[in-house]
Protein backbone atom coordinates (compact mmCIF):
# COMPACT_ATOMS: atom_id res chain seq x y z
CA MET A 1 79.30 87.55 94.75
CA ARG A 2 83.01 87.48 94.72
CA VAL A 3 85.37 84.46 94.97
CA LEU A 4 89.20 84.12 94.62
CA VAL A 5 90.56 82.16 91.65
CA VAL A 6 93.53 80.06 91.71
CA GLU A 7 95.17 79.18 88.80
CA ASP A 8 99.00 79.54 87.77
CA ASP A 9 98.36 79.63 83.74
CA ALA A 10 97.97 83.10 82.70
CA VAL A 11 95.38 82.13 79.96
CA LEU A 12 92.69 80.57 82.17
CA GLN A 13 93.64 82.67 85.04
CA ASN A 14 92.56 85.70 82.93
CA GLY A 15 89.54 84.01 81.12
CA LEU A 16 87.63 82.78 83.83
CA THR A 17 88.20 86.23 86.11
CA VAL A 18 86.95 87.90 82.68
CA GLY A 19 84.75 85.41 82.10
CA LEU A 20 83.09 85.26 86.07
CA GLY A 21 82.78 89.01 86.06
CA ILE A 22 80.67 89.04 82.91
CA HIS A 23 78.26 86.85 85.11
CA GLY A 24 78.14 88.94 87.84
CA ILE A 25 80.65 87.67 90.18
CA SER A 26 83.61 89.26 90.92
CA ALA A 27 86.98 87.48 91.00
CA ASP A 28 90.23 88.04 92.04
CA ALA A 29 93.24 85.83 91.20
CA VAL A 30 96.14 84.35 92.35
CA GLY A 31 98.75 81.58 90.54
CA THR A 32 100.41 79.90 93.76
CA CYS A 33 99.45 78.46 96.98
CA ALA A 34 101.02 80.93 99.22
CA ASP A 35 99.61 84.00 97.53
CA ALA A 36 96.36 81.97 97.86
CA LEU A 37 96.76 81.57 101.62
CA ALA A 38 97.70 84.29 102.14
CA ALA A 39 94.69 85.95 100.12
CA LEU A 40 92.30 83.61 102.04
CA ALA A 41 94.16 84.89 105.41
CA THR A 42 93.22 88.24 105.04
CA THR A 43 90.11 88.74 102.91
CA SER A 44 86.52 87.22 103.38
CA PHE A 45 85.32 85.52 99.92
CA ASP A 46 81.70 83.72 99.13
CA GLY A 47 84.21 81.13 96.94
CA VAL A 48 87.21 79.53 95.79
CA VAL A 49 87.77 78.33 92.60
CA LEU A 50 90.68 75.62 92.94
CA ASP A 51 93.25 74.48 90.23
CA VAL A 52 95.25 71.48 92.03
CA MET A 53 98.63 71.58 89.83
CA LEU A 54 99.94 74.99 91.20
CA PRO A 55 104.09 75.92 90.65
CA ASP A 56 104.30 75.74 94.83
CA GLY A 57 102.48 73.27 96.02
CA SER A 58 99.12 70.97 95.67
CA GLY A 59 95.95 72.86 95.79
CA PHE A 60 95.05 69.91 97.86
CA ASP A 61 97.00 71.25 100.85
CA ILE A 62 95.29 74.65 100.60
CA LEU A 63 92.29 72.76 100.85
CA ARG A 64 93.49 70.95 103.77
CA GLU A 65 94.69 73.81 105.00
CA LEU A 66 91.47 76.35 105.14
CA ARG A 67 89.09 73.28 106.57
CA GLN A 68 91.73 72.81 109.54
CA ARG A 69 91.57 76.13 110.72
CA ASN A 70 87.57 75.69 110.13
CA ASP A 71 87.75 78.15 107.21
CA THR A 72 84.12 77.27 105.47
CA VAL A 73 84.85 78.72 102.60
CA PRO A 74 82.86 76.98 99.78
CA VAL A 75 85.48 75.49 97.57
CA LEU A 76 85.13 74.14 93.82
CA LEU A 77 88.08 72.26 92.57
CA LEU A 78 88.94 72.95 88.93
CA THR A 79 91.24 70.40 87.55
CA ALA A 80 92.36 68.44 84.70
CA ARG A 81 93.27 65.76 87.31
CA ASP A 82 89.89 64.62 86.87
CA THR A 83 89.77 60.50 87.90
CA VAL A 84 87.75 58.96 90.00
CA ALA A 85 90.17 58.53 92.92
CA ASP A 86 91.27 62.60 92.65
CA ARG A 87 87.55 63.55 93.11
CA ILE A 88 87.38 61.49 95.94
CA ARG A 89 89.83 62.91 97.20
CA GLY A 90 89.21 66.25 96.96
CA LEU A 91 85.58 66.13 98.11
CA ASP A 92 87.14 64.24 100.98
CA ASP A 93 89.36 66.60 101.85
CA GLY A 94 86.75 69.33 102.06
CA ALA A 95 85.92 70.47 98.51
CA ASP A 96 82.86 71.06 97.93
CA ASP A 97 82.31 70.74 94.16
CA TYR A 98 84.32 69.82 91.51
CA LEU A 99 84.85 70.25 87.96
CA GLY A 100 87.27 68.87 85.70
CA LYS A 101 88.95 70.83 82.40
CA PRO A 102 87.77 71.69 80.01
CA PHE A 103 85.77 73.57 81.36
CA ASP A 104 82.34 75.32 80.34
CA LEU A 105 82.35 78.83 82.08
CA ASP A 106 78.23 79.46 82.35
CA GLU A 107 79.05 75.77 84.36
CA VAL A 108 81.36 77.25 86.55
CA ALA A 109 79.22 80.49 87.35
CA ALA A 110 76.23 78.22 87.53
CA ARG A 111 77.89 75.87 90.49
CA LEU A 112 79.24 79.22 92.24
CA ARG A 113 76.18 80.04 92.31
CA ALA A 114 74.67 76.86 93.69
CA LEU A 115 77.61 77.15 96.47
CA ARG A 116 76.69 80.21 97.30
CA ARG A 117 72.81 79.55 97.97
CA ARG A 118 73.67 76.54 99.96
CA ALA A 119 76.22 78.58 102.05
CA VAL A 120 73.89 81.45 103.12
CA GLY A 121 70.43 78.36 103.21
CA ARG A 122 68.60 79.49 100.28
CA ALA A 123 66.86 77.04 97.89
CA THR A 124 66.59 79.59 94.93
CA PRO A 125 68.13 82.22 93.44
CA VAL A 126 65.26 84.68 93.95
CA ILE A 127 64.94 86.05 97.31
CA THR A 128 61.68 87.60 98.84
CA TRP A 129 62.08 90.44 101.32
CA HIS A 130 59.02 93.08 102.09
CA ASP A 131 57.93 94.16 98.98
CA ILE A 132 60.76 93.55 96.71
CA GLU A 133 61.97 90.68 94.66
CA LEU A 134 66.14 89.98 93.78
CA ASP A 135 67.03 87.35 91.43
CA ALA A 136 70.29 86.65 92.24
CA GLU A 137 71.87 84.46 89.15
CA ARG A 138 69.78 87.23 86.74
CA ARG A 139 71.22 90.40 88.79
CA SER A 140 68.04 91.65 88.59
CA ALA A 141 65.28 93.27 91.49
CA THR A 142 62.00 94.04 91.15
CA LYS A 143 59.52 96.34 93.77
CA ASN A 144 55.66 95.10 93.89
CA GLY A 145 56.26 93.71 90.42
CA GLN A 146 57.69 96.81 88.79
CA VAL A 147 61.52 96.68 87.67
CA LEU A 148 64.18 98.63 89.90
CA ASN A 149 67.09 100.29 87.93
CA LEU A 150 70.22 99.36 90.15
CA SER A 151 73.43 99.65 89.25
CA ARG A 152 75.71 96.68 89.11
CA ARG A 153 76.96 98.28 92.82
CA GLU A 154 73.74 99.36 94.09
CA PHE A 155 72.59 95.76 93.65
CA ALA A 156 75.74 93.76 94.99
CA VAL A 157 74.69 95.64 98.21
CA LEU A 158 71.46 95.05 98.18
CA LEU A 159 71.90 91.66 97.94
CA ALA A 160 74.82 91.25 101.08
CA LEU A 161 72.59 93.20 103.14
CA VAL A 162 69.26 90.85 102.12
CA GLU A 163 71.08 87.34 102.09
CA ARG A 164 70.87 88.09 105.87
CA PRO A 165 68.04 90.59 107.19
CA GLY A 166 68.56 91.91 110.68
CA ILE A 167 72.47 91.15 110.52
CA ILE A 168 74.98 94.11 110.57
CA HIS A 169 77.40 94.63 107.49
CA SER A 170 79.93 96.60 108.93
CA LYS A 171 80.97 99.00 105.91
CA SER A 172 84.70 96.88 105.29
CA GLU A 173 82.14 94.13 104.69
CA LEU A 174 79.97 95.95 102.31
CA GLU A 175 83.37 97.35 100.44
CA ALA A 176 84.25 93.98 100.24
CA ALA A 177 81.08 93.21 98.08
CA LEU A 178 81.96 96.09 96.10
CA TYR A 179 85.83 96.13 94.92
CA GLY A 180 87.91 93.52 94.30
CA TRP A 181 90.91 92.06 96.41
CA GLN A 182 93.90 94.60 95.50
CA GLU A 183 91.26 97.11 93.73
CA GLU A 184 91.57 100.70 95.09
CA ILE A 185 88.13 101.24 97.39
CA GLU A 186 86.02 105.04 97.24
CA SER A 187 86.28 106.38 100.70
CA ASN A 188 82.56 107.17 100.73
CA ALA A 189 81.33 104.30 98.35
CA VAL A 190 79.59 102.54 100.55
CA GLU A 191 77.48 105.74 101.71
CA VAL A 192 76.80 106.97 98.34
CA HIS A 193 75.58 103.65 97.41
CA ILE A 194 73.28 102.88 100.40
CA HIS A 195 71.51 106.69 99.69
CA HIS A 196 70.74 105.87 96.26
CA LEU A 197 69.06 102.42 96.94
CA ARG A 198 66.86 104.37 99.84
CA ALA A 199 65.91 106.48 97.32
CA LYS A 200 64.61 103.63 95.18
CA ILE A 201 63.58 100.82 97.43
CA GLY A 202 62.15 103.44 101.02
CA ARG A 203 64.41 104.63 103.31
CA ASP A 204 63.07 102.54 106.51
CA LEU A 205 63.80 99.12 105.06
CA ILE A 206 67.44 100.00 105.09
CA GLU A 207 68.62 101.03 108.57
CA THR A 208 71.95 102.46 110.36
CA VAL A 209 73.99 101.33 113.04
CA ARG A 210 75.35 103.99 114.33
CA GLY A 211 79.16 103.00 114.26
CA LEU A 212 78.65 99.95 113.52
CA GLY A 213 76.88 99.95 109.90
CA TYR A 214 74.31 98.82 108.18
CA ARG A 215 71.20 96.02 108.08
CA ALA A 216 68.03 94.91 105.77
CA LYS A 217 64.93 95.37 108.16
CA THR A 218 63.63 92.41 109.47
């Protein structure tokens, strides 16, 4: 799962980025409305953690612009402005959830996972696919009940594929599941992880669609 953190407080920004990473959520961070809109216009995220009070405007403005252009990315408002009126305004403007400061990092991660499940139409964190079970919260996988020893990035690629089996994922889409917004991308990383996954789960479960990308077998 890859999210954008929009928070101008450097300490909170760093804490969220590092803390969410511990929970297996890749977090890119910006501190202004302008940078947030630029990132959201050029990169696909699974969610946004959005502060309301920013140095060059309001998180509500970002939220309204996203929804006006029909961007359905899940948004969790995270702010010290926690009155009932603020919560109503944020939800009516298109936020999916609202959490006041101070906050518990475990709860932020849990709410982001719940928003992701809702976005892809899953009721539980466990995905059953053929003889494989993936637990998106615990980042664990089993095949016929036996634990699969997957690296963090192997798990990220497999999860991206099996959340929507039968759908073709381009190389760039899978790279987005592996790397941060401004992180240097290794040229053959996706191919390497696909190769390792096939060796661990079976070659026929991940299909190559020549010239387009990869898909999980239905």
